[in-house]
Amino acid sequence: MIYKNLFSVAILHNYFSDNTNYIPEIDQYIGLVPDQETQALIKQYRLKLYTRPGRLILSTPERTTAQTFLPSSSITFRFFLEIRNPVFYYFTDLQALSGFTFPRFYTSGSNTTLTSGAYQYKISDVFEIPQERNAQTSFFLRHTPLNTSFEVQGLSPAPTLAYDAALKKVSFDTTPGTYQDAQPFELIYEVSPRWSSSTLGIVEIGVDGSNITYDRSYTFSFGRKSQNWSYYVIAPDTVTAANLAITNGVSDPAWNFANTVETTSGDVFQRLKNTFPAAKIFNITSVNPLPYQKQAKTGLKLQQSGETIINNLPNPAPENEGVGILNIYS
């Protein structure tokens, strides 16, 4: 039986590179995990889910040419977006997702770049109109709503709801004559999805079983954070601030650094001074916020009296929030 790729999904991130196909290194930090329903679909329709560096791939067998085991209707495969290393949060700018409590990345038309939006997990509580009722009859919810956007099904006219968050109840006018005794209805509302603490969001890939297009390559992207880079230099006591400078080697004003200053206080100073009591501690900070990047910035160098003493400076580790340490003391 021949297997053909239905689709692949790749997570892109310009912290690593500007590659628009896939980025192998990102697997160490974030990945995709099928939810239970998708796992069941994979088993039911004899699919194969496997990974390649930087990509997740789902393939299907063909019974005969262009015929699979998939239903002729549309089907959605869901994957949890799992954080594998929390350092991801330090170098990733999540402002674009700040409006979404639970982010969702999903297919939209023929676009191979996934669309971002809010994931909504809704449940329903079933009630009946009681025989004894009045202008404000209360109905207690089983779960805590995320908001007060309630949907009522089974009642006409639709009631005007009042929600009591402290008691987790909804009340409305059930005066006799409006609704029937024991009339069933549903209250539908949004709650927090049952995700693990390591889940950032969910990815949904739709497949039209009646018109399958093979080898669809889907991507979605994250951007890197920017902040001021601040280098602390451990130096012999013969060095002065005027002797030290960081230059970028390409005359790029965006990567300019301020004048060197000798520092005598602060947490970083104290930690370094405890280790190197006889050394001087200098600080050189970028003029502008600089983007985090995996590879060192080519040409960024530490100079002493115009002579390069450290070439291609190491980037500050993202988890150090822009702080880098350079040792020329020993």
C-alpha atoms as a PDB file:
ATOM      1  CA  MET A   1       0.000   0.000   0.000  1.00  0.00           C
ATOM      2  CA  ILE A   2       1.406   3.372  -1.034  1.00  0.00           C
ATOM      3  CA  TYR A   3       1.397   6.264   1.439  1.00  0.00           C
ATOM      4  CA  LYS A   4       1.210   9.845   0.226  1.00  0.00           C
ATOM      5  CA  ASN A   5       1.722  12.972   2.301  1.00  0.00           C
ATOM      6  CA  LEU A   6      -1.488  14.804   3.093  1.00  0.00           C
ATOM      7  CA  PHE A   7       0.215  17.812   4.635  1.00  0.00           C
ATOM      8  CA  SER A   8       3.157  19.051   6.640  1.00  0.00           C
ATOM      9  CA  VAL A   9       3.263  21.779   9.293  1.00  0.00           C
ATOM     10  CA  ALA A  10       6.362  23.836  10.066  1.00  0.00           C
ATOM     11  CA  ILE A  11       6.863  26.431  12.803  1.00  0.00           C
ATOM     12  CA  LEU A  12       9.006  29.343  11.641  1.00  0.00           C
ATOM     13  CA  HIS A  13      10.933  31.777  13.848  1.00  0.00           C
ATOM     14  CA  ASN A  14      13.306  34.561  12.804  1.00  0.00           C
ATOM     15  CA  TYR A  15      15.312  34.134  16.020  1.00  0.00           C
ATOM     16  CA  PHE A  16      16.920  31.165  14.273  1.00  0.00           C
ATOM     17  CA  SER A  17      16.821  32.257  10.629  1.00  0.00           C
ATOM     18  CA  ASP A  18      14.641  33.792   7.932  1.00  0.00           C
ATOM     19  CA  ASN A  19      14.024  30.383   6.341  1.00  0.00           C
ATOM     20  CA  THR A  20      10.447  30.260   5.037  1.00  0.00           C
ATOM     21  CA  ASN A  21      10.253  26.460   4.679  1.00  0.00           C
ATOM     22  CA  TYR A  22      11.275  24.915   7.998  1.00  0.00           C
ATOM     23  CA  ILE A  23      13.737  25.426  10.848  1.00  0.00           C
ATOM     24  CA  PRO A  24      15.222  22.246  12.373  1.00  0.00           C
ATOM     25  CA  GLU A  25      16.518  23.948  15.553  1.00  0.00           C
ATOM     26  CA  ILE A  26      13.054  24.968  16.682  1.00  0.00           C
ATOM     27  CA  ASP A  27      12.194  21.375  17.650  1.00  0.00           C
ATOM     28  CA  GLN A  28      14.208  21.835  20.854  1.00  0.00           C
ATOM     29  CA  TYR A  29      11.873  24.592  22.011  1.00  0.00           C
ATOM     30  CA  ILE A  30       8.373  23.992  20.660  1.00  0.00           C
ATOM     31  CA  GLY A  31       6.507  21.215  18.858  1.00  0.00           C
ATOM     32  CA  LEU A  32       3.142  19.780  17.831  1.00  0.00           C
ATOM     33  CA  VAL A  33       1.331  16.944  19.625  1.00  0.00           C
ATOM     34  CA  PRO A  34      -1.945  15.441  18.326  1.00  0.00           C
ATOM     35  CA  ASP A  35      -4.931  15.665  20.650  1.00  0.00           C
ATOM     36  CA  GLN A  36      -6.932  12.557  21.557  1.00  0.00           C
ATOM     37  CA  GLU A  37      -9.475  12.996  18.773  1.00  0.00           C
ATOM     38  CA  THR A  38      -6.736  13.333  16.171  1.00  0.00           C
ATOM     39  CA  GLN A  39      -4.960  10.273  17.551  1.00  0.00           C
ATOM     40  CA  ALA A  40      -8.222   8.358  17.111  1.00  0.00           C
ATOM     41  CA  LEU A  41      -8.624   9.658  13.542  1.00  0.00           C
ATOM     42  CA  ILE A  42      -5.084   8.592  12.676  1.00  0.00           C
ATOM     43  CA  LYS A  43      -5.830   5.080  13.876  1.00  0.00           C
ATOM     44  CA  GLN A  44      -9.288   4.913  12.303  1.00  0.00           C
ATOM     45  CA  TYR A  45      -8.158   5.979   8.826  1.00  0.00           C
ATOM     46  CA  ARG A  46      -4.795   4.187   8.873  1.00  0.00           C
ATOM     47  CA  LEU A  47      -2.801   7.409   8.686  1.00  0.00           C
ATOM     48  CA  LYS A  48       0.851   7.862   9.598  1.00  0.00           C
ATOM     49  CA  LEU A  49       2.129  10.777  11.633  1.00  0.00           C
ATOM     50  CA  TYR A  50       5.859  11.357  11.715  1.00  0.00           C
ATOM     51  CA  THR A  51       8.371  14.145  12.098  1.00  0.00           C
ATOM     52  CA  ARG A  52      11.309  15.492  10.179  1.00  0.00           C
ATOM     53  CA  PRO A  53      13.620  18.204  11.551  1.00  0.00           C
ATOM     54  CA  GLY A  54      11.427  21.283  11.872  1.00  0.00           C
ATOM     55  CA  ARG A  55       8.300  19.636  10.432  1.00  0.00           C
ATOM     56  CA  LEU A  56       5.377  17.400  11.307  1.00  0.00           C
ATOM     57  CA  ILE A  57       3.972  15.289   8.455  1.00  0.00           C
ATOM     58  CA  LEU A  58       0.699  13.362   8.126  1.00  0.00           C
ATOM     59  CA  SER A  59       0.378  10.791   5.339  1.00  0.00           C
ATOM     60  CA  THR A  60      -2.463   8.597   4.114  1.00  0.00           C
ATOM     61  CA  PRO A  61      -2.560   5.270   2.263  1.00  0.00           C
ATOM     62  CA  GLU A  62      -4.253   4.987  -1.104  1.00  0.00           C
ATOM     63  CA  ARG A  63      -6.516   1.965  -1.578  1.00  0.00           C
ATOM     64  CA  THR A  64      -6.515   2.648  -5.300  1.00  0.00           C
ATOM     65  CA  THR A  65      -5.369   5.651  -7.276  1.00  0.00           C
ATOM     66  CA  ALA A  66      -6.734   8.828  -5.659  1.00  0.00           C
ATOM     67  CA  GLN A  67      -8.851   6.819  -3.172  1.00  0.00           C
ATOM     68  CA  THR A  68      -8.056   6.958   0.540  1.00  0.00           C
ATOM     69  CA  PHE A  69      -9.730   5.683   3.684  1.00  0.00           C
ATOM     70  CA  LEU A  70     -10.715   9.229   4.642  1.00  0.00           C
ATOM     71  CA  PRO A  71     -14.405  10.176   4.672  1.00  0.00           C
ATOM     72  CA  SER A  72     -15.726  12.299   1.816  1.00  0.00           C
ATOM     73  CA  SER A  73     -16.662  15.039   4.273  1.00  0.00           C
ATOM     74  CA  SER A  74     -14.377  17.668   5.785  1.00  0.00           C
ATOM     75  CA  ILE A  75     -12.225  16.574   8.700  1.00  0.00           C
ATOM     76  CA  THR A  76     -10.107  18.594  11.132  1.00  0.00           C
ATOM     77  CA  PHE A  77      -6.849  17.448  12.693  1.00  0.00           C
ATOM     78  CA  ARG A  78      -5.871  19.219  15.916  1.00  0.00           C
ATOM     79  CA  PHE A  79      -2.451  19.478  17.496  1.00  0.00           C
ATOM     80  CA  PHE A  80      -1.399  21.006  20.781  1.00  0.00           C
ATOM     81  CA  LEU A  81       1.362  23.578  20.471  1.00  0.00           C
ATOM     82  CA  GLU A  82       3.653  22.385  23.257  1.00  0.00           C
ATOM     83  CA  ILE A  83       6.513  24.364  24.788  1.00  0.00           C
ATOM     84  CA  ARG A  84       9.490  22.017  25.225  1.00  0.00           C
ATOM     85  CA  ASN A  85      11.896  24.588  26.639  1.00  0.00           C
ATOM     86  CA  PRO A  86      10.621  27.671  28.524  1.00  0.00           C
ATOM     87  CA  VAL A  87      13.546  29.699  27.145  1.00  0.00           C
ATOM     88  CA  PHE A  88      11.250  30.031  24.107  1.00  0.00           C
ATOM     89  CA  TYR A  89       9.336  32.708  25.995  1.00  0.00           C
ATOM     90  CA  TYR A  90      12.477  34.785  26.559  1.00  0.00           C
ATOM     91  CA  PHE A  91      13.334  35.259  22.895  1.00  0.00           C
ATOM     92  CA  THR A  92       9.825  35.202  21.400  1.00  0.00           C
ATOM     93  CA  ASP A  93       7.630  38.262  20.942  1.00  0.00           C
ATOM     94  CA  LEU A  94       4.088  37.146  21.745  1.00  0.00           C
ATOM     95  CA  GLN A  95       2.492  40.593  21.483  1.00  0.00           C
ATOM     96  CA  ALA A  96       0.687  39.552  18.301  1.00  0.00           C
ATOM     97  CA  LEU A  97      -1.157  36.929  20.365  1.00  0.00           C
ATOM     98  CA  SER A  98      -1.832  39.153  23.380  1.00  0.00           C
ATOM     99  CA  GLY A  99      -5.493  39.519  22.444  1.00  0.00           C
ATOM    100  CA  PHE A 100      -6.044  35.762  22.494  1.00  0.00           C
ATOM    101  CA  THR A 101      -6.340  34.055  25.871  1.00  0.00           C
ATOM    102  CA  PHE A 102      -6.007  30.716  24.108  1.00  0.00           C
ATOM    103  CA  PRO A 103      -4.306  31.113  20.689  1.00  0.00           C
ATOM    104  CA  ARG A 104      -5.436  29.115  17.687  1.00  0.00           C
ATOM    105  CA  PHE A 105      -3.660  28.653  14.345  1.00  0.00           C
ATOM    106  CA  TYR A 106      -5.856  27.286  11.584  1.00  0.00           C
ATOM    107  CA  THR A 107      -6.194  26.774   7.838  1.00  0.00           C
ATOM    108  CA  SER A 108      -8.147  29.348   5.876  1.00  0.00           C
ATOM    109  CA  GLY A 109      -9.082  28.666   2.262  1.00  0.00           C
ATOM    110  CA  SER A 110      -6.128  27.814   0.044  1.00  0.00           C
ATOM    111  CA  ASN A 111      -3.684  29.882   2.094  1.00  0.00           C
ATOM    112  CA  THR A 112      -0.725  27.798   3.287  1.00  0.00           C
ATOM    113  CA  THR A 113       0.128  30.326   6.002  1.00  0.00           C
ATOM    114  CA  LEU A 114      -2.024  29.513   9.009  1.00  0.00           C
ATOM    115  CA  THR A 115      -4.324  32.211  10.365  1.00  0.00           C
ATOM    116  CA  SER A 116      -4.150  33.124  14.053  1.00  0.00           C
ATOM    117  CA  GLY A 117      -7.181  33.688  16.224  1.00  0.00           C
ATOM    118  CA  ALA A 118      -8.812  32.829  19.521  1.00  0.00           C
ATOM    119  CA  TYR A 119      -9.644  29.255  20.442  1.00  0.00           C
ATOM    120  CA  GLN A 120     -13.021  28.892  22.128  1.00  0.00           C
ATOM    121  CA  TYR A 121     -13.910  25.851  24.176  1.00  0.00           C
ATOM    122  CA  LYS A 122     -17.628  25.828  24.910  1.00  0.00           C
ATOM    123  CA  ILE A 123     -19.767  23.535  26.995  1.00  0.00           C
ATOM    124  CA  SER A 124     -23.497  23.363  27.640  1.00  0.00           C
ATOM    125  CA  ASP A 125     -25.515  22.891  30.800  1.00  0.00           C
ATOM    126  CA  VAL A 126     -29.018  21.431  30.411  1.00  0.00           C
ATOM    127  CA  PHE A 127     -31.855  22.735  32.596  1.00  0.00           C
ATOM    128  CA  GLU A 128     -35.639  22.616  32.811  1.00  0.00           C
ATOM    129  CA  ILE A 129     -38.065  25.419  33.594  1.00  0.00           C
ATOM    130  CA  PRO A 130     -39.310  24.633  37.130  1.00  0.00           C
ATOM    131  CA  GLN A 131     -42.982  24.520  38.062  1.00  0.00           C
ATOM    132  CA  GLU A 132     -42.468  26.978  40.896  1.00  0.00           C
ATOM    133  CA  ARG A 133     -40.884  30.063  39.469  1.00  0.00           C
ATOM    134  CA  ASN A 134     -40.963  33.856  39.535  1.00  0.00           C
ATOM    135  CA  ALA A 135     -39.420  36.959  37.982  1.00  0.00           C
ATOM    136  CA  GLN A 136     -35.874  35.873  38.848  1.00  0.00           C
ATOM    137  CA  THR A 137     -35.333  32.127  38.745  1.00  0.00           C
ATOM    138  CA  SER A 138     -31.735  31.009  39.230  1.00  0.00           C
ATOM    139  CA  PHE A 139     -29.846  28.234  37.472  1.00  0.00           C
ATOM    140  CA  PHE A 140     -26.444  27.200  38.811  1.00  0.00           C
ATOM    141  CA  LEU A 141     -23.664  26.478  36.322  1.00  0.00           C
ATOM    142  CA  ARG A 142     -21.385  23.446  36.534  1.00  0.00           C
ATOM    143  CA  HIS A 143     -18.269  25.364  35.502  1.00  0.00           C
ATOM    144  CA  THR A 144     -16.821  28.865  35.716  1.00  0.00           C
ATOM    145  CA  PRO A 145     -17.438  30.874  32.530  1.00  0.00           C
ATOM    146  CA  LEU A 146     -14.588  32.797  30.929  1.00  0.00           C
ATOM    147  CA  ASN A 147     -17.008  35.579  30.043  1.00  0.00           C
ATOM    148  CA  THR A 148     -20.700  36.430  30.110  1.00  0.00           C
ATOM    149  CA  SER A 149     -21.376  35.695  26.439  1.00  0.00           C
ATOM    150  CA  PHE A 150     -24.047  33.088  27.122  1.00  0.00           C
ATOM    151  CA  GLU A 151     -26.061  31.394  24.403  1.00  0.00           C
ATOM    152  CA  VAL A 152     -29.510  30.022  25.189  1.00  0.00           C
ATOM    153  CA  GLN A 153     -31.065  27.274  23.090  1.00  0.00           C
ATOM    154  CA  GLY A 154     -34.595  25.936  23.493  1.00  0.00           C
ATOM    155  CA  LEU A 155     -36.319  29.064  24.808  1.00  0.00           C
ATOM    156  CA  SER A 156     -38.322  31.574  22.820  1.00  0.00           C
ATOM    157  CA  PRO A 157     -38.335  34.469  23.340  1.00  0.00           C
ATOM    158  CA  ALA A 158     -34.680  34.511  24.383  1.00  0.00           C
ATOM    159  CA  PRO A 159     -34.421  35.557  28.037  1.00  0.00           C
ATOM    160  CA  THR A 160     -32.409  38.465  29.400  1.00  0.00           C
ATOM    161  CA  LEU A 161     -29.779  36.888  31.632  1.00  0.00           C
ATOM    162  CA  ALA A 162     -28.203  38.172  34.824  1.00  0.00           C
ATOM    163  CA  TYR A 163     -25.010  36.464  35.957  1.00  0.00           C
ATOM    164  CA  ASP A 164     -23.781  36.244  39.549  1.00  0.00           C
ATOM    165  CA  ALA A 165     -20.064  35.417  39.424  1.00  0.00           C
ATOM    166  CA  ALA A 166     -19.777  34.841  43.172  1.00  0.00           C
ATOM    167  CA  LEU A 167     -22.463  32.150  43.158  1.00  0.00           C
ATOM    168  CA  LYS A 168     -21.815  31.016  39.577  1.00  0.00           C
ATOM    169  CA  LYS A 169     -25.476  31.263  38.664  1.00  0.00           C
ATOM    170  CA  VAL A 170     -27.599  32.675  35.861  1.00  0.00           C
ATOM    171  CA  SER A 171     -31.004  34.199  36.575  1.00  0.00           C
ATOM    172  CA  PHE A 172     -33.854  35.348  34.359  1.00  0.00           C
ATOM    173  CA  ASP A 173     -37.592  35.961  34.343  1.00  0.00           C
ATOM    174  CA  THR A 174     -39.548  32.692  34.154  1.00  0.00           C
ATOM    175  CA  THR A 175     -42.957  34.154  34.995  1.00  0.00           C
ATOM    176  CA  PRO A 176     -45.719  31.647  34.056  1.00  0.00           C
ATOM    177  CA  GLY A 177     -47.059  32.216  30.570  1.00  0.00           C
ATOM    178  CA  THR A 178     -43.677  32.831  29.006  1.00  0.00           C
ATOM    179  CA  TYR A 179     -42.306  29.288  29.123  1.00  0.00           C
ATOM    180  CA  GLN A 180     -43.833  25.885  29.808  1.00  0.00           C
ATOM    181  CA  ASP A 181     -43.321  23.782  32.925  1.00  0.00           C
ATOM    182  CA  ALA A 182     -40.395  21.356  32.563  1.00  0.00           C
ATOM    183  CA  GLN A 183     -39.427  22.971  29.261  1.00  0.00           C
ATOM    184  CA  PRO A 184     -35.815  21.913  28.591  1.00  0.00           C
ATOM    185  CA  PHE A 185     -33.170  24.373  27.469  1.00  0.00           C
ATOM    186  CA  GLU A 186     -29.403  24.663  27.190  1.00  0.00           C
ATOM    187  CA  LEU A 187     -27.019  27.317  28.422  1.00  0.00           C
ATOM    188  CA  ILE A 188     -23.867  27.353  26.300  1.00  0.00           C
ATOM    189  CA  TYR A 189     -20.802  29.227  27.519  1.00  0.00           C
ATOM    190  CA  GLU A 190     -17.047  29.398  27.091  1.00  0.00           C
ATOM    191  CA  VAL A 191     -14.685  27.870  29.666  1.00  0.00           C
ATOM    192  CA  SER A 192     -10.949  27.360  29.892  1.00  0.00           C
ATOM    193  CA  PRO A 193      -9.839  24.439  27.706  1.00  0.00           C
ATOM    194  CA  ARG A 194      -8.339  21.443  29.449  1.00  0.00           C
ATOM    195  CA  TRP A 195      -4.785  22.121  28.342  1.00  0.00           C
ATOM    196  CA  SER A 196      -1.584  21.302  30.169  1.00  0.00           C
ATOM    197  CA  SER A 197       0.515  24.149  31.547  1.00  0.00           C
ATOM    198  CA  SER A 198       3.036  23.630  28.727  1.00  0.00           C
ATOM    199  CA  THR A 199       0.448  24.197  25.978  1.00  0.00           C
ATOM    200  CA  LEU A 200       0.712  27.570  24.248  1.00  0.00           C
ATOM    201  CA  GLY A 201      -2.133  27.071  21.777  1.00  0.00           C
ATOM    202  CA  ILE A 202      -3.729  24.738  19.298  1.00  0.00           C
ATOM    203  CA  VAL A 203      -3.196  24.116  15.577  1.00  0.00           C
ATOM    204  CA  GLU A 204      -6.087  23.004  13.364  1.00  0.00           C
ATOM    205  CA  ILE A 205      -5.584  21.621   9.862  1.00  0.00           C
ATOM    206  CA  GLY A 206      -8.706  21.044   7.790  1.00  0.00           C
ATOM    207  CA  VAL A 207      -8.835  18.439   5.024  1.00  0.00           C
ATOM    208  CA  ASP A 208     -11.647  18.121   2.481  1.00  0.00           C
ATOM    209  CA  GLY A 209     -12.038  14.384   1.992  1.00  0.00           C
ATOM    210  CA  SER A 210     -14.025  14.876  -1.212  1.00  0.00           C
ATOM    211  CA  ASN A 211     -11.259  16.861  -2.899  1.00  0.00           C
ATOM    212  CA  ILE A 212      -7.892  15.952  -1.412  1.00  0.00           C
ATOM    213  CA  THR A 213      -4.836  17.968  -2.358  1.00  0.00           C
ATOM    214  CA  TYR A 214      -1.649  16.166  -1.415  1.00  0.00           C
ATOM    215  CA  ASP A 215       1.605  17.626  -0.120  1.00  0.00           C
ATOM    216  CA  ARG A 216       0.172  20.794   1.379  1.00  0.00           C
ATOM    217  CA  SER A 217       2.954  22.594   3.268  1.00  0.00           C
ATOM    218  CA  TYR A 218       1.535  24.766   6.049  1.00  0.00           C
ATOM    219  CA  THR A 219       3.556  27.230   8.098  1.00  0.00           C
ATOM    220  CA  PHE A 220       3.027  29.735  10.873  1.00  0.00           C
ATOM    221  CA  SER A 221       5.540  32.117  12.353  1.00  0.00           C
ATOM    222  CA  PHE A 222       6.798  33.607  15.573  1.00  0.00           C
ATOM    223  CA  GLY A 223       8.918  36.730  15.805  1.00  0.00           C
ATOM    224  CA  ARG A 224      11.859  37.478  18.061  1.00  0.00           C
ATOM    225  CA  LYS A 225      11.972  39.948  20.914  1.00  0.00           C
ATOM    226  CA  SER A 226      14.104  43.061  20.919  1.00  0.00           C
ATOM    227  CA  GLN A 227      15.618  44.826  23.906  1.00  0.00           C
ATOM    228  CA  ASN A 228      18.735  46.762  24.810  1.00  0.00           C
ATOM    229  CA  TRP A 229      21.831  44.610  25.035  1.00  0.00           C
ATOM    230  CA  SER A 230      23.984  45.373  28.051  1.00  0.00           C
ATOM    231  CA  TYR A 231      27.509  43.963  28.253  1.00  0.00           C
ATOM    232  CA  TYR A 232      29.451  43.898  31.518  1.00  0.00           C
ATOM    233  CA  VAL A 233      33.209  43.794  31.012  1.00  0.00           C
ATOM    234  CA  ILE A 234      35.505  42.334  33.682  1.00  0.00           C
ATOM    235  CA  ALA A 235      38.842  44.093  33.236  1.00  0.00           C
ATOM    236  CA  PRO A 236      42.198  44.686  34.986  1.00  0.00           C
ATOM    237  CA  ASP A 237      42.351  47.770  37.187  1.00  0.00           C
ATOM    238  CA  THR A 238      44.696  49.423  34.678  1.00  0.00           C
ATOM    239  CA  VAL A 239      41.884  49.731  32.121  1.00  0.00           C
ATOM    240  CA  THR A 240      39.782  52.891  31.926  1.00  0.00           C
ATOM    241  CA  ALA A 241      36.335  53.455  30.442  1.00  0.00           C
ATOM    242  CA  ALA A 242      37.814  55.622  27.709  1.00  0.00           C
ATOM    243  CA  ASN A 243      39.889  52.664  26.490  1.00  0.00           C
ATOM    244  CA  LEU A 244      36.915  50.345  25.860  1.00  0.00           C
ATOM    245  CA  ALA A 245      34.265  50.414  23.148  1.00  0.00           C
ATOM    246  CA  ILE A 246      31.944  48.087  21.263  1.00  0.00           C
ATOM    247  CA  THR A 247      31.756  48.642  17.508  1.00  0.00           C
ATOM    248  CA  ASN A 248      29.600  46.882  14.944  1.00  0.00           C
ATOM    249  CA  GLY A 249      32.109  46.872  12.102  1.00  0.00           C
ATOM    250  CA  VAL A 250      29.569  47.762   9.421  1.00  0.00           C
ATOM    251  CA  SER A 251      28.648  51.319  10.449  1.00  0.00           C
ATOM    252  CA  ASP A 252      25.054  50.270  11.097  1.00  0.00           C
ATOM    253  CA  PRO A 253      23.587  52.953  13.406  1.00  0.00           C
ATOM    254  CA  ALA A 254      20.901  50.532  14.607  1.00  0.00           C
ATOM    255  CA  TRP A 255      23.687  48.535  16.268  1.00  0.00           C
ATOM    256  CA  ASN A 256      25.498  51.440  17.937  1.00  0.00           C
ATOM    257  CA  PHE A 257      26.565  51.152  21.563  1.00  0.00           C
ATOM    258  CA  ALA A 258      26.793  53.979  24.091  1.00  0.00           C
ATOM    259  CA  ASN A 259      30.019  55.124  25.707  1.00  0.00           C
ATOM    260  CA  THR A 260      31.571  52.770  28.230  1.00  0.00           C
ATOM    261  CA  VAL A 261      30.977  53.540  31.902  1.00  0.00           C
ATOM    262  CA  GLU A 262      32.587  52.038  34.978  1.00  0.00           C
ATOM    263  CA  THR A 263      29.918  50.583  37.218  1.00  0.00           C
ATOM    264  CA  THR A 264      30.149  50.332  40.994  1.00  0.00           C
ATOM    265  CA  SER A 265      26.720  49.067  42.031  1.00  0.00           C
ATOM    266  CA  GLY A 266      23.885  46.741  41.100  1.00  0.00           C
ATOM    267  CA  ASP A 267      23.235  43.007  41.284  1.00  0.00           C
ATOM    268  CA  VAL A 268      25.416  42.091  38.303  1.00  0.00           C
ATOM    269  CA  PHE A 269      28.269  44.258  39.568  1.00  0.00           C
ATOM    270  CA  GLN A 270      28.109  42.687  43.017  1.00  0.00           C
ATOM    271  CA  ARG A 271      28.093  39.151  41.657  1.00  0.00           C
ATOM    272  CA  LEU A 272      31.077  39.811  39.405  1.00  0.00           C
ATOM    273  CA  LYS A 273      32.962  41.721  42.084  1.00  0.00           C
ATOM    274  CA  ASN A 274      32.540  38.833  44.508  1.00  0.00           C
ATOM    275  CA  THR A 275      34.233  36.557  41.966  1.00  0.00           C
ATOM    276  CA  PHE A 276      36.857  39.059  40.782  1.00  0.00           C
ATOM    277  CA  PRO A 277      37.466  41.404  43.738  1.00  0.00           C
ATOM    278  CA  ALA A 278      40.539  43.066  42.192  1.00  0.00           C
ATOM    279  CA  ALA A 279      38.926  43.713  38.800  1.00  0.00           C
ATOM    280  CA  LYS A 280      37.113  46.732  37.446  1.00  0.00           C
ATOM    281  CA  ILE A 281      33.597  46.261  36.086  1.00  0.00           C
ATOM    282  CA  PHE A 282      32.494  48.263  33.052  1.00  0.00           C
ATOM    283  CA  ASN A 283      29.144  48.469  31.307  1.00  0.00           C
ATOM    284  CA  ILE A 284      28.454  49.074  27.613  1.00  0.00           C
ATOM    285  CA  THR A 285      24.791  49.207  26.550  1.00  0.00           C
ATOM    286  CA  SER A 286      23.256  49.402  23.085  1.00  0.00           C
ATOM    287  CA  VAL A 287      21.700  52.705  22.082  1.00  0.00           C
ATOM    288  CA  ASN A 288      18.640  50.953  20.632  1.00  0.00           C
ATOM    289  CA  PRO A 289      16.744  47.755  21.415  1.00  0.00           C
ATOM    290  CA  LEU A 290      18.406  44.940  19.467  1.00  0.00           C
ATOM    291  CA  PRO A 291      16.732  41.766  18.190  1.00  0.00           C
ATOM    292  CA  TYR A 292      17.595  38.471  19.794  1.00  0.00           C
ATOM    293  CA  GLN A 293      19.180  36.040  17.350  1.00  0.00           C
ATOM    294  CA  LYS A 294      20.672  32.574  17.567  1.00  0.00           C
ATOM    295  CA  GLN A 295      23.768  33.421  15.540  1.00  0.00           C
ATOM    296  CA  ALA A 296      26.261  35.996  16.779  1.00  0.00           C
ATOM    297  CA  LYS A 297      26.067  39.380  15.078  1.00  0.00           C
ATOM    298  CA  THR A 298      28.893  39.410  12.542  1.00  0.00           C
ATOM    299  CA  GLY A 299      31.347  42.258  13.104  1.00  0.00           C
ATOM    300  CA  LEU A 300      30.267  43.117  16.644  1.00  0.00           C
ATOM    301  CA  LYS A 301      33.530  43.488  18.551  1.00  0.00           C
ATOM    302  CA  LEU A 302      35.054  44.747  21.788  1.00  0.00           C
ATOM    303  CA  GLN A 303      37.979  47.090  21.261  1.00  0.00           C
ATOM    304  CA  GLN A 304      40.585  48.415  23.656  1.00  0.00           C
ATOM    305  CA  SER A 305      42.359  51.583  22.543  1.00  0.00           C
ATOM    306  CA  GLY A 306      41.202  50.872  18.975  1.00  0.00           C
ATOM    307  CA  GLU A 307      42.502  47.298  18.934  1.00  0.00           C
ATOM    308  CA  THR A 308      40.044  44.414  18.666  1.00  0.00           C
ATOM    309  CA  ILE A 309      40.357  42.107  21.664  1.00  0.00           C
ATOM    310  CA  ILE A 310      37.124  40.098  21.222  1.00  0.00           C
ATOM    311  CA  ASN A 311      35.703  39.628  17.728  1.00  0.00           C
ATOM    312  CA  ASN A 312      32.107  38.581  16.948  1.00  0.00           C
ATOM    313  CA  LEU A 313      30.827  39.071  20.479  1.00  0.00           C
ATOM    314  CA  PRO A 314      28.581  36.327  21.841  1.00  0.00           C
ATOM    315  CA  ASN A 315      24.941  37.313  22.017  1.00  0.00           C
ATOM    316  CA  PRO A 316      23.453  37.790  25.473  1.00  0.00           C
ATOM    317  CA  ALA A 317      21.506  34.661  26.411  1.00  0.00           C
ATOM    318  CA  PRO A 318      17.758  35.434  26.111  1.00  0.00           C
ATOM    319  CA  GLU A 319      17.100  34.161  29.632  1.00  0.00           C
ATOM    320  CA  ASN A 320      19.573  36.783  30.910  1.00  0.00           C
ATOM    321  CA  GLU A 321      17.291  39.487  29.511  1.00  0.00           C
ATOM    322  CA  GLY A 322      19.890  41.245  27.417  1.00  0.00           C
ATOM    323  CA  VAL A 323      22.836  40.976  29.810  1.00  0.00           C
ATOM    324  CA  GLY A 324      26.137  39.580  28.535  1.00  0.00           C
ATOM    325  CA  ILE A 325      29.448  39.079  30.358  1.00  0.00           C
ATOM    326  CA  LEU A 326      32.852  39.681  28.729  1.00  0.00           C
ATOM    327  CA  ASN A 327      35.986  38.725  30.650  1.00  0.00           C
ATOM    328  CA  ILE A 328      39.310  40.357  29.719  1.00  0.00           C
ATOM    329  CA  TYR A 329      40.649  40.172  33.257  1.00  0.00           C
ATOM    330  CA  SER A 330      42.279  36.767  33.008  1.00  0.00           C
END
